[in-house]
């Protein structure tokens, strides 16, 4: 993952580094240190973003269905 990919995911998912640190239960300094060069992004991070985005979509669908049923 590149720094540009990382920044694009944050923007797309409407997250900032502080929010991400809370969701991942990692320190802000750890996340802020990732730069893709001398401090690479974890290999699992791209998958995490993918599944986080999926879960947000699922939550929207679930809410729509619940509203429709009531």
N, C-alpha and C. Protein backbone atom coordinates (compact mmCIF):
# COMPACT_ATOMS: atom_id res chain seq x y z
N UNK A 1 0.85 -1.17 0.00
CA UNK A 1 0.00 0.00 0.00
C UNK A 1 0.90 1.23 0.00
N UNK A 2 0.50 2.20 -0.79
CA UNK A 2 1.24 3.45 -0.86
C UNK A 2 0.57 4.50 0.04
N UNK A 3 1.27 5.57 0.28
CA UNK A 3 0.72 6.68 1.07
C UNK A 3 -0.53 7.23 0.39
N UNK A 4 -0.47 7.31 -0.94
CA UNK A 4 -1.62 7.82 -1.70
C UNK A 4 -2.84 6.91 -1.52
N UNK A 5 -2.63 5.58 -1.59
CA UNK A 5 -3.74 4.62 -1.37
C UNK A 5 -4.32 4.80 0.03
N UNK A 6 -3.43 4.92 1.00
CA UNK A 6 -3.86 5.08 2.39
C UNK A 6 -4.71 6.34 2.54
N UNK A 7 -4.22 7.45 2.02
CA UNK A 7 -4.97 8.71 2.11
C UNK A 7 -6.30 8.62 1.38
N UNK A 8 -6.33 7.93 0.23
CA UNK A 8 -7.58 7.77 -0.52
C UNK A 8 -8.60 6.94 0.27
N UNK A 9 -8.14 5.89 0.93
CA UNK A 9 -9.05 5.09 1.76
C UNK A 9 -9.62 5.92 2.89
N UNK A 10 -8.78 6.69 3.56
CA UNK A 10 -9.26 7.53 4.66
C UNK A 10 -10.32 8.50 4.17
N UNK A 11 -10.06 9.11 3.03
CA UNK A 11 -11.01 10.08 2.48
C UNK A 11 -12.32 9.39 2.08
N UNK A 12 -12.21 8.28 1.37
CA UNK A 12 -13.38 7.54 0.90
C UNK A 12 -14.26 7.07 2.06
N UNK A 13 -13.62 6.63 3.13
CA UNK A 13 -14.35 6.08 4.28
C UNK A 13 -14.65 7.13 5.34
N UNK A 14 -14.31 8.38 5.03
CA UNK A 14 -14.56 9.50 5.94
C UNK A 14 -13.95 9.25 7.32
N UNK A 15 -12.69 8.84 7.30
CA UNK A 15 -11.95 8.61 8.54
C UNK A 15 -10.75 9.54 8.58
N UNK A 16 -10.30 9.82 9.78
CA UNK A 16 -9.01 10.47 9.93
C UNK A 16 -8.12 9.50 10.72
N UNK A 17 -6.87 9.87 10.90
CA UNK A 17 -5.93 8.96 11.57
C UNK A 17 -6.33 8.69 13.01
N UNK A 18 -6.91 9.67 13.68
CA UNK A 18 -7.34 9.47 15.06
C UNK A 18 -8.48 8.45 15.12
N UNK A 19 -9.46 8.60 14.23
CA UNK A 19 -10.56 7.63 14.17
C UNK A 19 -10.03 6.23 13.89
N UNK A 20 -9.11 6.15 12.95
CA UNK A 20 -8.54 4.85 12.59
C UNK A 20 -7.80 4.23 13.77
N UNK A 21 -7.08 5.06 14.52
CA UNK A 21 -6.36 4.53 15.68
C UNK A 21 -7.32 3.94 16.70
N UNK A 22 -8.47 4.57 16.86
CA UNK A 22 -9.48 4.06 17.81
C UNK A 22 -10.07 2.74 17.29
N UNK A 23 -10.43 2.71 16.01
CA UNK A 23 -11.02 1.49 15.43
C UNK A 23 -10.05 0.31 15.47
N UNK A 24 -8.76 0.59 15.26
CA UNK A 24 -7.76 -0.47 15.22
C UNK A 24 -7.15 -0.76 16.59
N UNK A 25 -7.50 0.06 17.56
CA UNK A 25 -6.93 -0.07 18.90
C UNK A 25 -5.40 0.01 18.86
N UNK A 26 -4.92 0.97 18.08
CA UNK A 26 -3.49 1.25 17.97
C UNK A 26 -3.26 2.70 18.35
N UNK A 27 -2.06 3.01 18.76
CA UNK A 27 -1.78 4.40 19.12
C UNK A 27 -1.77 5.27 17.86
N UNK A 28 -2.15 6.51 18.07
CA UNK A 28 -2.13 7.47 16.97
C UNK A 28 -0.72 7.60 16.40
N UNK A 29 0.28 7.59 17.27
CA UNK A 29 1.67 7.73 16.81
C UNK A 29 2.08 6.58 15.89
N UNK A 30 1.59 5.39 16.16
CA UNK A 30 1.87 4.25 15.28
C UNK A 30 1.32 4.51 13.89
N UNK A 31 0.07 4.89 13.83
CA UNK A 31 -0.58 5.13 12.54
C UNK A 31 0.04 6.33 11.83
N UNK A 32 0.33 7.35 12.58
CA UNK A 32 0.92 8.55 11.99
C UNK A 32 2.32 8.27 11.45
N UNK A 33 2.98 7.27 12.00
CA UNK A 33 4.33 6.93 11.54
C UNK A 33 4.37 6.15 10.25
N UNK A 34 3.26 5.51 9.88
CA UNK A 34 3.24 4.77 8.62
C UNK A 34 3.39 5.75 7.47
N UNK A 35 4.32 5.46 6.57
CA UNK A 35 4.50 6.36 5.43
C UNK A 35 4.74 5.60 4.12
N UNK A 36 4.81 4.30 4.19
CA UNK A 36 4.98 3.51 2.98
C UNK A 36 6.41 3.40 2.51
N UNK A 37 7.32 4.11 3.15
CA UNK A 37 8.73 4.05 2.74
C UNK A 37 9.56 3.37 3.82
N UNK A 38 10.08 4.15 4.77
CA UNK A 38 10.89 3.53 5.82
C UNK A 38 10.03 2.92 6.93
N UNK A 39 8.76 3.27 6.99
CA UNK A 39 7.80 2.66 7.91
C UNK A 39 6.62 2.19 7.08
N UNK A 40 6.70 0.97 6.54
CA UNK A 40 5.64 0.51 5.62
C UNK A 40 4.30 0.30 6.33
N UNK A 41 3.27 0.35 5.54
CA UNK A 41 1.93 0.06 6.04
C UNK A 41 1.83 -1.45 6.28
N UNK A 42 1.09 -1.87 7.31
CA UNK A 42 0.93 -3.30 7.55
C UNK A 42 0.29 -4.00 6.35
N UNK A 43 0.67 -5.23 6.13
CA UNK A 43 0.14 -5.96 4.97
C UNK A 43 -1.36 -6.21 5.08
N UNK A 44 -1.90 -6.26 6.29
CA UNK A 44 -3.31 -6.55 6.51
C UNK A 44 -4.20 -5.32 6.33
N UNK A 45 -3.61 -4.14 6.26
CA UNK A 45 -4.40 -2.91 6.29
C UNK A 45 -5.34 -2.76 5.09
N UNK A 46 -4.89 -3.12 3.92
CA UNK A 46 -5.75 -3.00 2.74
C UNK A 46 -6.98 -3.89 2.88
N UNK A 47 -6.82 -5.10 3.39
CA UNK A 47 -7.97 -5.97 3.63
C UNK A 47 -8.89 -5.39 4.69
N UNK A 48 -8.32 -4.80 5.71
CA UNK A 48 -9.14 -4.18 6.76
C UNK A 48 -10.02 -3.09 6.16
N UNK A 49 -9.42 -2.23 5.33
CA UNK A 49 -10.20 -1.17 4.69
C UNK A 49 -11.32 -1.76 3.84
N UNK A 50 -11.03 -2.79 3.10
CA UNK A 50 -12.03 -3.45 2.24
C UNK A 50 -13.21 -3.94 3.09
N UNK A 51 -12.92 -4.65 4.17
CA UNK A 51 -14.00 -5.20 4.98
C UNK A 51 -14.70 -4.14 5.81
N UNK A 52 -14.01 -3.10 6.18
CA UNK A 52 -14.65 -1.99 6.89
C UNK A 52 -15.66 -1.31 5.96
N UNK A 53 -15.26 -1.08 4.72
CA UNK A 53 -16.18 -0.47 3.75
C UNK A 53 -17.40 -1.37 3.54
N UNK A 54 -17.16 -2.66 3.45
CA UNK A 54 -18.27 -3.61 3.28
C UNK A 54 -19.23 -3.56 4.47
N UNK A 55 -18.68 -3.46 5.65
CA UNK A 55 -19.53 -3.43 6.85
C UNK A 55 -20.36 -2.16 6.89
N UNK A 56 -19.81 -1.05 6.42
CA UNK A 56 -20.59 0.19 6.37
C UNK A 56 -21.76 0.04 5.41
N UNK A 57 -21.53 -0.60 4.27
CA UNK A 57 -22.60 -0.83 3.31
C UNK A 57 -23.66 -1.75 3.89
N UNK A 58 -23.22 -2.77 4.58
CA UNK A 58 -24.17 -3.69 5.21
C UNK A 58 -25.02 -2.96 6.25
N UNK A 59 -24.41 -2.10 7.04
CA UNK A 59 -25.15 -1.34 8.04
C UNK A 59 -26.22 -0.46 7.39
N UNK A 60 -25.89 0.13 6.24
CA UNK A 60 -26.87 0.96 5.53
C UNK A 60 -28.05 0.12 5.05
N UNK A 61 -27.74 -1.04 4.49
CA UNK A 61 -28.80 -1.94 4.00
C UNK A 61 -29.67 -2.40 5.16
N UNK A 62 -29.03 -2.77 6.24
CA UNK A 62 -29.75 -3.24 7.43
C UNK A 62 -30.69 -2.16 7.95
N UNK A 63 -30.23 -0.93 7.97
CA UNK A 63 -31.05 0.18 8.44
C UNK A 63 -32.24 0.39 7.49
N UNK A 64 -31.99 0.33 6.20
CA UNK A 64 -33.08 0.50 5.24
C UNK A 64 -34.14 -0.57 5.40
N UNK A 65 -33.71 -1.79 5.59
CA UNK A 65 -34.66 -2.90 5.74
C UNK A 65 -35.45 -2.78 7.04
N UNK A 66 -34.78 -2.38 8.07
CA UNK A 66 -35.46 -2.22 9.36
C UNK A 66 -36.50 -1.12 9.27
N UNK A 67 -36.14 0.00 8.66
CA UNK A 67 -37.09 1.11 8.50
C UNK A 67 -38.28 0.70 7.64
N UNK A 68 -38.01 -0.13 6.63
CA UNK A 68 -39.06 -0.57 5.73
C UNK A 68 -40.04 -1.52 6.43
N UNK A 69 -39.52 -2.34 7.33
CA UNK A 69 -40.35 -3.31 8.02
C UNK A 69 -41.28 -2.63 9.02
N UNK A 70 -40.79 -1.59 9.65
CA UNK A 70 -41.61 -0.90 10.65
C UNK A 70 -42.56 -0.03 9.93
